[in-house]
C-alpha atoms as a PDB file:
ATOM      1  CA  MET A   1     -33.470  14.269 -41.710  1.00  0.00           C
ATOM      2  CA  ALA A   2     -33.152  13.681 -45.425  1.00  0.00           C
ATOM      3  CA  GLY A   3     -35.817  11.400 -46.846  1.00  0.00           C
ATOM      4  CA  VAL A   4     -38.138  11.867 -43.849  1.00  0.00           C
ATOM      5  CA  SER A   5     -41.732  12.705 -44.779  1.00  0.00           C
ATOM      6  CA  MET A   6     -43.674  15.695 -43.498  1.00  0.00           C
ATOM      7  CA  LYS A   7     -45.948  13.326 -41.597  1.00  0.00           C
ATOM      8  CA  ASP A   8     -42.980  11.812 -39.716  1.00  0.00           C
ATOM      9  CA  ILE A   9     -41.689  15.275 -38.798  1.00  0.00           C
ATOM     10  CA  LYS A  10     -45.136  16.308 -37.552  1.00  0.00           C
ATOM     11  CA  LEU A  11     -45.388  13.163 -35.405  1.00  0.00           C
ATOM     12  CA  ARG A  12     -41.941  13.877 -33.997  1.00  0.00           C
ATOM     13  CA  ILE A  13     -42.972  17.452 -33.130  1.00  0.00           C
ATOM     14  CA  LYS A  14     -46.083  16.185 -31.355  1.00  0.00           C
ATOM     15  CA  SER A  15     -43.963  13.660 -29.417  1.00  0.00           C
ATOM     16  CA  MET A  16     -41.506  16.348 -28.324  1.00  0.00           C
ATOM     17  CA  GLU A  17     -44.368  18.615 -27.221  1.00  0.00           C
ATOM     18  CA  SER A  18     -45.674  15.796 -24.997  1.00  0.00           C
ATOM     19  CA  THR A  19     -42.188  15.297 -23.558  1.00  0.00           C
ATOM     20  CA  LYS A  20     -41.892  19.028 -22.910  1.00  0.00           C
ATOM     21  CA  GLN A  21     -45.179  19.028 -20.977  1.00  0.00           C
ATOM     22  CA  ILE A  22     -43.960  16.146 -18.796  1.00  0.00           C
ATOM     23  CA  THR A  23     -40.548  17.707 -18.039  1.00  0.00           C
ATOM     24  CA  LYS A  24     -42.149  21.085 -17.301  1.00  0.00           C
ATOM     25  CA  ALA A  25     -44.599  19.464 -14.877  1.00  0.00           C
ATOM     26  CA  MET A  26     -41.773  17.573 -13.157  1.00  0.00           C
ATOM     27  CA  GLU A  27     -39.787  20.806 -12.885  1.00  0.00           C
ATOM     28  CA  MET A  28     -42.710  22.565 -11.189  1.00  0.00           C
ATOM     29  CA  VAL A  29     -43.243  19.649  -8.767  1.00  0.00           C
ATOM     30  CA  ALA A  30     -39.525  19.616  -7.891  1.00  0.00           C
ATOM     31  CA  ALA A  31     -39.568  23.391  -7.328  1.00  0.00           C
ATOM     32  CA  SER A  32     -42.509  23.047  -4.936  1.00  0.00           C
ATOM     33  CA  LYS A  33     -40.838  20.215  -2.990  1.00  0.00           C
ATOM     34  CA  LEU A  34     -37.571  22.160  -2.956  1.00  0.00           C
ATOM     35  CA  ARG A  35     -39.140  25.073  -1.081  1.00  0.00           C
ATOM     36  CA  ARG A  36     -40.539  22.762   1.599  1.00  0.00           C
ATOM     37  CA  ALA A  37     -37.221  20.907   1.893  1.00  0.00           C
ATOM     38  CA  GLN A  38     -35.316  24.162   2.384  1.00  0.00           C
ATOM     39  CA  GLU A  39     -37.672  25.079   5.219  1.00  0.00           C
ATOM     40  CA  ARG A  40     -36.949  21.709   6.885  1.00  0.00           C
ATOM     41  CA  ILE A  41     -33.209  22.430   6.801  1.00  0.00           C
ATOM     42  CA  VAL A  42     -33.625  25.839   8.425  1.00  0.00           C
ATOM     43  CA  ASN A  43     -36.033  24.544  11.099  1.00  0.00           C
ATOM     44  CA  SER A  44     -33.902  21.518  12.056  1.00  0.00           C
ATOM     45  CA  ARG A  45     -30.574  23.278  12.613  1.00  0.00           C
ATOM     46  CA  PRO A  46     -31.068  25.156  15.940  1.00  0.00           C
ATOM     47  CA  TYR A  47     -32.015  22.107  18.058  1.00  0.00           C
ATOM     48  CA  PHE A  48     -29.028  20.023  17.014  1.00  0.00           C
ATOM     49  CA  ALA A  49     -26.647  22.978  17.274  1.00  0.00           C
ATOM     50  CA  ILE A  50     -27.699  23.323  20.925  1.00  0.00           C
ATOM     51  CA  LEU A  51     -27.099  19.589  21.492  1.00  0.00           C
ATOM     52  CA  PHE A  52     -23.563  19.908  20.119  1.00  0.00           C
ATOM     53  CA  ASP A  53     -22.876  22.939  22.323  1.00  0.00           C
ATOM     54  CA  THR A  54     -24.127  20.949  25.323  1.00  0.00           C
ATOM     55  CA  LEU A  55     -21.761  18.067  24.543  1.00  0.00           C
ATOM     56  CA  ASN A  56     -18.829  20.465  24.243  1.00  0.00           C
ATOM     57  CA  THR A  57     -19.785  22.160  27.501  1.00  0.00           C
ATOM     58  CA  ILE A  58     -19.917  18.866  29.416  1.00  0.00           C
ATOM     59  CA  ALA A  59     -16.593  17.697  27.982  1.00  0.00           C
ATOM     60  CA  ASN A  60     -14.810  20.996  28.648  1.00  0.00           C
ATOM     61  CA  ASP A  61     -16.187  21.617  32.140  1.00  0.00           C
ATOM     62  CA  THR A  62     -15.395  18.149  33.494  1.00  0.00           C
ATOM     63  CA  GLU A  63     -11.871  17.438  34.659  1.00  0.00           C
ATOM     64  CA  GLN A  64     -10.199  14.407  33.083  1.00  0.00           C
ATOM     65  CA  PHE A  65     -13.318  13.763  31.043  1.00  0.00           C
ATOM     66  CA  SER A  66     -13.509  10.471  29.106  1.00  0.00           C
ATOM     67  CA  SER A  67     -16.193   8.638  27.171  1.00  0.00           C
ATOM     68  CA  PRO A  68     -16.183   5.470  25.059  1.00  0.00           C
ATOM     69  CA  PHE A  69     -17.698   7.563  22.241  1.00  0.00           C
ATOM     70  CA  LEU A  70     -14.505   9.656  22.126  1.00  0.00           C
ATOM     71  CA  GLU A  71     -12.180   6.640  21.992  1.00  0.00           C
ATOM     72  CA  LYS A  72     -10.090   6.479  18.834  1.00  0.00           C
ATOM     73  CA  ARG A  73      -8.967   2.976  17.968  1.00  0.00           C
ATOM     74  CA  GLU A  74      -7.590   0.997  15.085  1.00  0.00           C
ATOM     75  CA  ILE A  75     -10.174   0.889  12.301  1.00  0.00           C
ATOM     76  CA  ARG A  76     -10.964  -2.728  11.579  1.00  0.00           C
ATOM     77  CA  LYS A  77     -14.520  -2.226  10.361  1.00  0.00           C
ATOM     78  CA  SER A  78     -16.513   0.851   9.361  1.00  0.00           C
ATOM     79  CA  CYS A  79     -20.232   1.499   9.104  1.00  0.00           C
ATOM     80  CA  TYR A  80     -21.598   4.015   6.601  1.00  0.00           C
ATOM     81  CA  VAL A  81     -25.054   5.533   6.363  1.00  0.00           C
ATOM     82  CA  VAL A  82     -25.415   6.375   2.664  1.00  0.00           C
ATOM     83  CA  ILE A  83     -28.274   8.624   1.562  1.00  0.00           C
ATOM     84  CA  GLY A  84     -29.469   8.553  -2.040  1.00  0.00           C
ATOM     85  CA  GLY A  85     -32.727   8.849  -3.939  1.00  0.00           C
ATOM     86  CA  ASP A  86     -35.571   6.567  -4.930  1.00  0.00           C
ATOM     87  CA  ARG A  87     -35.719   7.717  -8.554  1.00  0.00           C
ATOM     88  CA  GLY A  88     -33.471   8.971 -11.298  1.00  0.00           C
ATOM     89  CA  LEU A  89     -33.950  12.008 -13.568  1.00  0.00           C
ATOM     90  CA  ALA A  90     -31.907  14.120 -11.168  1.00  0.00           C
ATOM     91  CA  GLY A  91     -28.677  14.635 -13.071  1.00  0.00           C
ATOM     92  CA  GLY A  92     -25.621  13.279 -11.260  1.00  0.00           C
ATOM     93  CA  TYR A  93     -27.223  13.369  -7.804  1.00  0.00           C
ATOM     94  CA  ASN A  94     -27.217   9.607  -7.163  1.00  0.00           C
ATOM     95  CA  SER A  95     -24.050   8.707  -9.067  1.00  0.00           C
ATOM     96  CA  ASN A  96     -21.923  11.348  -7.303  1.00  0.00           C
ATOM     97  CA  VAL A  97     -22.830  10.327  -3.737  1.00  0.00           C
ATOM     98  CA  LEU A  98     -22.547   6.609  -4.520  1.00  0.00           C
ATOM     99  CA  LYS A  99     -19.147   7.127  -6.115  1.00  0.00           C
ATOM    100  CA  LEU A 100     -17.893   8.941  -2.994  1.00  0.00           C
ATOM    101  CA  ALA A 101     -19.277   6.278  -0.640  1.00  0.00           C
ATOM    102  CA  TYR A 102     -17.827   3.361  -2.606  1.00  0.00           C
ATOM    103  CA  SER A 103     -14.410   5.032  -2.871  1.00  0.00           C
ATOM    104  CA  GLN A 104     -14.332   5.313   0.938  1.00  0.00           C
ATOM    105  CA  MET A 105     -15.185   1.677   1.610  1.00  0.00           C
ATOM    106  CA  GLU A 106     -13.429   0.016  -1.339  1.00  0.00           C
ATOM    107  CA  GLY A 107     -10.723  -2.361  -0.159  1.00  0.00           C
ATOM    108  CA  THR A 108     -11.785  -2.137   3.504  1.00  0.00           C
ATOM    109  CA  ASP A 109     -14.078  -4.113   5.775  1.00  0.00           C
ATOM    110  CA  ALA A 110     -17.266  -2.067   5.777  1.00  0.00           C
ATOM    111  CA  CYS A 111     -21.010  -2.365   6.056  1.00  0.00           C
ATOM    112  CA  VAL A 112     -23.661   0.072   4.942  1.00  0.00           C
ATOM    113  CA  ILE A 113     -27.104   1.316   5.934  1.00  0.00           C
ATOM    114  CA  PRO A 114     -28.582   2.417   2.599  1.00  0.00           C
ATOM    115  CA  ILE A 115     -31.301   5.069   2.463  1.00  0.00           C
ATOM    116  CA  GLY A 116     -33.039   5.136  -0.918  1.00  0.00           C
ATOM    117  CA  LYS A 117     -33.729   2.527  -3.594  1.00  0.00           C
ATOM    118  CA  LYS A 118     -30.766   3.609  -5.717  1.00  0.00           C
ATOM    119  CA  CYS A 119     -28.366   3.053  -2.810  1.00  0.00           C
ATOM    120  CA  LEU A 120     -29.796  -0.363  -1.992  1.00  0.00           C
ATOM    121  CA  GLU A 121     -29.552  -1.531  -5.615  1.00  0.00           C
ATOM    122  CA  PHE A 122     -26.013  -0.154  -5.955  1.00  0.00           C
ATOM    123  CA  PHE A 123     -24.555  -1.882  -2.890  1.00  0.00           C
ATOM    124  CA  ARG A 124     -26.421  -5.131  -3.479  1.00  0.00           C
ATOM    125  CA  SER A 125     -24.959  -5.373  -6.983  1.00  0.00           C
ATOM    126  CA  ARG A 126     -21.453  -4.897  -5.537  1.00  0.00           C
ATOM    127  CA  LYS A 127     -21.927  -7.458  -2.734  1.00  0.00           C
ATOM    128  CA  VAL A 128     -21.317  -4.904   0.057  1.00  0.00           C
ATOM    129  CA  GLU A 129     -22.583  -6.010   3.486  1.00  0.00           C
ATOM    130  CA  ILE A 130     -25.933  -4.330   4.166  1.00  0.00           C
ATOM    131  CA  LEU A 131     -26.671  -3.892   7.857  1.00  0.00           C
ATOM    132  CA  THR A 132     -30.395  -3.351   7.251  1.00  0.00           C
ATOM    133  CA  ASP A 133     -32.582  -2.618   4.239  1.00  0.00           C
ATOM    134  CA  ILE A 134     -35.649  -1.295   6.054  1.00  0.00           C
ATOM    135  CA  TYR A 135     -34.846   2.272   4.952  1.00  0.00           C
ATOM    136  CA  ALA A 136     -34.860   1.430   1.248  1.00  0.00           C
ATOM    137  CA  VAL A 137     -37.514   4.066   0.458  1.00  0.00           C
ATOM    138  CA  ALA A 138     -35.973   7.457   1.233  1.00  0.00           C
ATOM    139  CA  SER A 139     -39.305   9.281   1.027  1.00  0.00           C
ATOM    140  CA  ASP A 140     -40.631   7.159   3.928  1.00  0.00           C
ATOM    141  CA  VAL A 141     -37.698   7.890   6.288  1.00  0.00           C
ATOM    142  CA  HIS A 142     -38.607  10.319   9.075  1.00  0.00           C
ATOM    143  CA  VAL A 143     -36.855  11.847  12.061  1.00  0.00           C
ATOM    144  CA  GLY A 144     -37.786   8.878  14.285  1.00  0.00           C
ATOM    145  CA  ASP A 145     -36.045   6.501  11.882  1.00  0.00           C
ATOM    146  CA  CYS A 146     -32.911   8.638  12.084  1.00  0.00           C
ATOM    147  CA  PHE A 147     -32.809   8.275  15.874  1.00  0.00           C
ATOM    148  CA  THR A 148     -33.321   4.508  15.518  1.00  0.00           C
ATOM    149  CA  MET A 149     -30.346   4.371  13.124  1.00  0.00           C
ATOM    150  CA  ALA A 150     -28.280   6.453  15.542  1.00  0.00           C
ATOM    151  CA  LYS A 151     -28.963   4.054  18.420  1.00  0.00           C
ATOM    152  CA  MET A 152     -28.080   1.108  16.165  1.00  0.00           C
ATOM    153  CA  ILE A 153     -24.670   2.477  15.195  1.00  0.00           C
ATOM    154  CA  SER A 154     -23.998   3.796  18.724  1.00  0.00           C
ATOM    155  CA  ASN A 155     -24.584   0.347  20.222  1.00  0.00           C
ATOM    156  CA  GLY A 156     -22.454  -1.227  17.489  1.00  0.00           C
ATOM    157  CA  PHE A 157     -19.612   1.193  18.273  1.00  0.00           C
ATOM    158  CA  LEU A 158     -19.802   0.500  22.007  1.00  0.00           C
ATOM    159  CA  LYS A 159     -19.790  -3.271  21.420  1.00  0.00           C
ATOM    160  CA  GLY A 160     -16.759  -2.980  19.119  1.00  0.00           C
ATOM    161  CA  GLU A 161     -18.668  -4.111  16.022  1.00  0.00           C
ATOM    162  CA  PHE A 162     -17.619  -0.868  14.265  1.00  0.00           C
ATOM    163  CA  ASP A 163     -14.568   1.281  14.855  1.00  0.00           C
ATOM    164  CA  ARG A 164     -15.770   4.146  12.699  1.00  0.00           C
ATOM    165  CA  ASP A 165     -19.224   5.477  11.770  1.00  0.00           C
ATOM    166  CA  ALA A 166     -19.920   8.031   9.065  1.00  0.00           C
ATOM    167  CA  VAL A 167     -22.757   9.323   6.918  1.00  0.00           C
ATOM    168  CA  VAL A 168     -22.362  10.011   3.195  1.00  0.00           C
ATOM    169  CA  TYR A 169     -24.861  12.469   1.775  1.00  0.00           C
ATOM    170  CA  THR A 170     -25.232  15.369  -0.659  1.00  0.00           C
ATOM    171  CA  ASN A 171     -24.701  18.848   0.711  1.00  0.00           C
ATOM    172  CA  PHE A 172     -27.076  21.496  -0.628  1.00  0.00           C
ATOM    173  CA  VAL A 173     -24.987  24.492  -1.721  1.00  0.00           C
ATOM    174  CA  SER A 174     -27.525  26.148  -4.012  1.00  0.00           C
ATOM    175  CA  ILE A 175     -30.215  25.215  -6.508  1.00  0.00           C
ATOM    176  CA  LEU A 176     -27.517  24.900  -9.177  1.00  0.00           C
ATOM    177  CA  SER A 177     -24.859  23.271  -6.997  1.00  0.00           C
ATOM    178  CA  GLN A 178     -24.965  20.133  -4.829  1.00  0.00           C
ATOM    179  CA  ALA A 179     -21.793  18.517  -3.507  1.00  0.00           C
ATOM    180  CA  PRO A 180     -21.395  14.963  -2.140  1.00  0.00           C
ATOM    181  CA  ALA A 181     -19.970  15.002   1.380  1.00  0.00           C
ATOM    182  CA  LEU A 182     -18.835  12.666   4.162  1.00  0.00           C
ATOM    183  CA  LEU A 183     -19.612  13.453   7.806  1.00  0.00           C
ATOM    184  CA  GLU A 184     -17.752  11.554  10.530  1.00  0.00           C
ATOM    185  CA  LEU A 185     -20.072  10.438  13.339  1.00  0.00           C
ATOM    186  CA  LEU A 186     -18.009   8.217  15.646  1.00  0.00           C
ATOM    187  CA  PRO A 187     -15.593   8.449  17.314  1.00  0.00           C
ATOM    188  CA  LEU A 188     -16.923  11.871  18.221  1.00  0.00           C
ATOM    189  CA  GLU A 189     -14.624  14.874  18.149  1.00  0.00           C
ATOM    190  CA  TYR A 190     -15.349  17.750  20.464  1.00  0.00           C
ATOM    191  CA  HIS A 191     -13.718  21.174  20.486  1.00  0.00           C
ATOM    192  CA  PRO A 192     -11.673  21.865  23.628  1.00  0.00           C
ATOM    193  CA  ARG A 193     -12.196  25.354  24.978  1.00  0.00           C
ATOM    194  CA  SER A 194      -9.132  27.556  24.704  1.00  0.00           C
ATOM    195  CA  GLY A 195      -8.028  29.689  27.650  1.00  0.00           C
ATOM    196  CA  ASP A 196      -9.395  29.908  31.157  1.00  0.00           C
ATOM    197  CA  THR A 197     -13.135  30.169  31.564  1.00  0.00           C
ATOM    198  CA  ASP A 198     -15.626  29.649  34.339  1.00  0.00           C
ATOM    199  CA  SER A 199     -18.798  29.860  32.225  1.00  0.00           C
ATOM    200  CA  ASN A 200     -20.411  26.636  33.419  1.00  0.00           C
ATOM    201  CA  CYS A 201     -18.037  25.341  36.058  1.00  0.00           C
ATOM    202  CA  LEU A 202     -20.800  25.147  38.672  1.00  0.00           C
ATOM    203  CA  THR A 203     -23.152  23.074  36.513  1.00  0.00           C
ATOM    204  CA  LEU A 204     -24.105  19.791  38.196  1.00  0.00           C
ATOM    205  CA  TYR A 205     -25.186  16.769  36.172  1.00  0.00           C
ATOM    206  CA  GLU A 206     -27.235  13.907  37.574  1.00  0.00           C
ATOM    207  CA  PRO A 207     -26.216  11.162  38.034  1.00  0.00           C
ATOM    208  CA  ASP A 208     -22.876  12.424  36.588  1.00  0.00           C
ATOM    209  CA  SER A 209     -21.543  14.290  33.575  1.00  0.00           C
ATOM    210  CA  ALA A 210     -20.278  11.151  31.754  1.00  0.00           C
ATOM    211  CA  THR A 211     -23.689   9.461  31.974  1.00  0.00           C
ATOM    212  CA  VAL A 212     -25.448  12.563  30.674  1.00  0.00           C
ATOM    213  CA  PHE A 213     -22.881  12.899  27.874  1.00  0.00           C
ATOM    214  CA  ASP A 214     -23.310   9.259  26.784  1.00  0.00           C
ATOM    215  CA  ALA A 215     -27.113   9.617  26.904  1.00  0.00           C
ATOM    216  CA  ILE A 216     -27.041  12.674  24.640  1.00  0.00           C
ATOM    217  CA  ILE A 217     -24.743  11.088  22.014  1.00  0.00           C
ATOM    218  CA  PRO A 218     -27.429   8.951  20.254  1.00  0.00           C
ATOM    219  CA  GLU A 219     -29.766  11.965  20.173  1.00  0.00           C
ATOM    220  CA  TYR A 220     -27.019  14.101  18.688  1.00  0.00           C
ATOM    221  CA  LEU A 221     -26.098  11.471  16.071  1.00  0.00           C
ATOM    222  CA  GLY A 222     -29.763  11.076  15.168  1.00  0.00           C
ATOM    223  CA  GLY A 223     -29.856  14.822  14.574  1.00  0.00           C
ATOM    224  CA  GLN A 224     -26.762  14.645  12.395  1.00  0.00           C
ATOM    225  CA  ILE A 225     -28.308  11.897  10.273  1.00  0.00           C
ATOM    226  CA  TYR A 226     -31.598  13.770  10.038  1.00  0.00           C
ATOM    227  CA  GLY A 227     -29.754  16.932   9.011  1.00  0.00           C
ATOM    228  CA  ALA A 228     -27.886  14.990   6.321  1.00  0.00           C
ATOM    229  CA  LEU A 229     -31.196  13.497   5.160  1.00  0.00           C
ATOM    230  CA  CYS A 230     -32.744  16.974   4.856  1.00  0.00           C
ATOM    231  CA  GLU A 231     -29.711  18.217   2.930  1.00  0.00           C
ATOM    232  CA  SER A 232     -29.879  15.216   0.586  1.00  0.00           C
ATOM    233  CA  ILE A 233     -33.607  15.547  -0.078  1.00  0.00           C
ATOM    234  CA  THR A 234     -33.178  19.253  -0.817  1.00  0.00           C
ATOM    235  CA  SER A 235     -30.223  18.490  -3.097  1.00  0.00           C
ATOM    236  CA  GLU A 236     -32.215  15.846  -4.949  1.00  0.00           C
ATOM    237  CA  GLN A 237     -35.088  18.242  -5.629  1.00  0.00           C
ATOM    238  CA  GLY A 238     -32.655  20.970  -6.677  1.00  0.00           C
ATOM    239  CA  ALA A 239     -30.832  18.589  -9.023  1.00  0.00           C
ATOM    240  CA  ARG A 240     -34.115  17.296 -10.471  1.00  0.00           C
ATOM    241  CA  ARG A 241     -35.421  20.826 -11.000  1.00  0.00           C
ATOM    242  CA  THR A 242     -32.222  21.785 -12.822  1.00  0.00           C
ATOM    243  CA  ALA A 243     -32.254  18.593 -14.920  1.00  0.00           C
ATOM    244  CA  MET A 244     -35.907  19.011 -15.871  1.00  0.00           C
ATOM    245  CA  ASP A 245     -35.361  22.676 -16.721  1.00  0.00           C
ATOM    246  CA  ALA A 246     -32.514  21.673 -19.033  1.00  0.00           C
ATOM    247  CA  ALA A 247     -34.666  18.908 -20.559  1.00  0.00           C
ATOM    248  CA  THR A 248     -37.509  21.380 -21.181  1.00  0.00           C
ATOM    249  CA  LYS A 249     -35.149  23.808 -22.906  1.00  0.00           C
ATOM    250  CA  ASN A 250     -33.722  20.991 -25.036  1.00  0.00           C
ATOM    251  CA  ALA A 251     -37.244  19.950 -26.021  1.00  0.00           C
ATOM    252  CA  GLU A 252     -38.059  23.532 -27.016  1.00  0.00           C
ATOM    253  CA  GLU A 253     -34.922  23.696 -29.155  1.00  0.00           C
ATOM    254  CA  MET A 254     -35.760  20.391 -30.850  1.00  0.00           C
ATOM    255  CA  ILE A 255     -39.348  21.529 -31.492  1.00  0.00           C
ATOM    256  CA  SER A 256     -38.038  24.769 -33.033  1.00  0.00           C
ATOM    257  CA  ASP A 257     -35.556  22.841 -35.206  1.00  0.00           C
ATOM    258  CA  LEU A 258     -38.189  20.315 -36.292  1.00  0.00           C
ATOM    259  CA  SER A 259     -40.683  23.086 -37.066  1.00  0.00           C
ATOM    260  CA  LEU A 260     -38.088  24.755 -39.278  1.00  0.00           C
ATOM    261  CA  LYS A 261     -37.460  21.474 -41.100  1.00  0.00           C
ATOM    262  CA  TYR A 262     -41.194  20.876 -41.438  1.00  0.00           C
ATOM    263  CA  ASN A 263     -41.710  24.332 -42.962  1.00  0.00           C
ATOM    264  CA  ARG A 264     -38.837  23.763 -45.367  1.00  0.00           C
ATOM    265  CA  ALA A 265     -40.249  20.384 -46.401  1.00  0.00           C
ATOM    266  CA  ARG A 266     -43.717  21.925 -46.833  1.00  0.00           C
ATOM    267  CA  GLN A 267     -42.292  24.778 -48.890  1.00  0.00           C
ATOM    268  CA  GLY A 268     -40.368  22.288 -51.018  1.00  0.00           C
ATOM    269  CA  ALA A 269     -43.521  20.242 -51.580  1.00  0.00           C
ATOM    270  CA  ILE A 270     -45.485  23.349 -52.626  1.00  0.00           C
ATOM    271  CA  THR A 271     -42.700  24.442 -54.962  1.00  0.00           C
ATOM    272  CA  GLN A 272     -42.621  20.973 -56.501  1.00  0.00           C
ATOM    273  CA  GLU A 273     -46.397  21.053 -57.099  1.00  0.00           C
ATOM    274  CA  ILE A 274     -46.211  24.515 -58.712  1.00  0.00           C
ATOM    275  CA  THR A 275     -43.352  23.344 -60.961  1.00  0.00           C
ATOM    276  CA  GLU A 276     -45.351  20.313 -62.047  1.00  0.00           C
ATOM    277  CA  ILE A 277     -48.435  22.458 -62.792  1.00  0.00           C
ATOM    278  CA  VAL A 278     -46.396  24.957 -64.831  1.00  0.00           C
ATOM    279  CA  ALA A 279     -44.665  22.145 -66.707  1.00  0.00           C
ATOM    280  CA  GLY A 280     -48.039  20.528 -67.443  1.00  0.00           C
ATOM    281  CA  ALA A 281     -49.483  23.839 -68.694  1.00  0.00           C
ATOM    282  CA  ASP A 282     -46.478  24.470 -70.971  1.00  0.00           C
ATOM    283  CA  SER A 283     -46.772  21.033 -72.527  1.00  0.00           C
END
């Protein structure tokens, strides 16, 4: 910073202190939201785990079971639910999930249901077919919206409009680690039970097991989407907290460096004044 005056350095220090206050506040807000988001993940898991177990039980305990939701066919068109954020300042959170989603649909016939402003802007700029844009604000999407989305893609699959449905989201590993992931929704894969068992052979379903199975599918898919949404929101807050923590530390380092340069400039100015006084006295 040669040639920069002490006044400029002082203004720069004041600016960095303001930036540090902002990033520290954002870090604290993200940490608070992160705790609530982690609680949502824990609370949402048991219900949808039971739904999946129920689907497996129906499929395994019914002889020659079949359902249109299990039908694997040639993939002519895919539908993706892509979950991103509404804002930036979260490290690579948005770019990583968008990169994964676009790599999956590039060169294929696909449509997308974007969740989050960043997703909507990304796919609009790349001319990808958008099935609906009513979920553009991720913070406004609730569990009821997830079930509405699930019914939409379930009906599209049954009508043959889509041959594959998936959700692309960010999996929360830890506060320091978030990984983009793809979860296949339809066609559904269930886990056949190995060996002989008579655990639920006497269970009766009204009107029949296939009807009950098909009725549960949209509920189960809605739970999967909601779970992915919770994971993504938690990942976003974790990524933002980490990014803001790094920004705060960088601001502190810059303030320390600028303070050192300011002190050196001040010392140089004082030395120069003393030299001029001594020279004037000698003359």
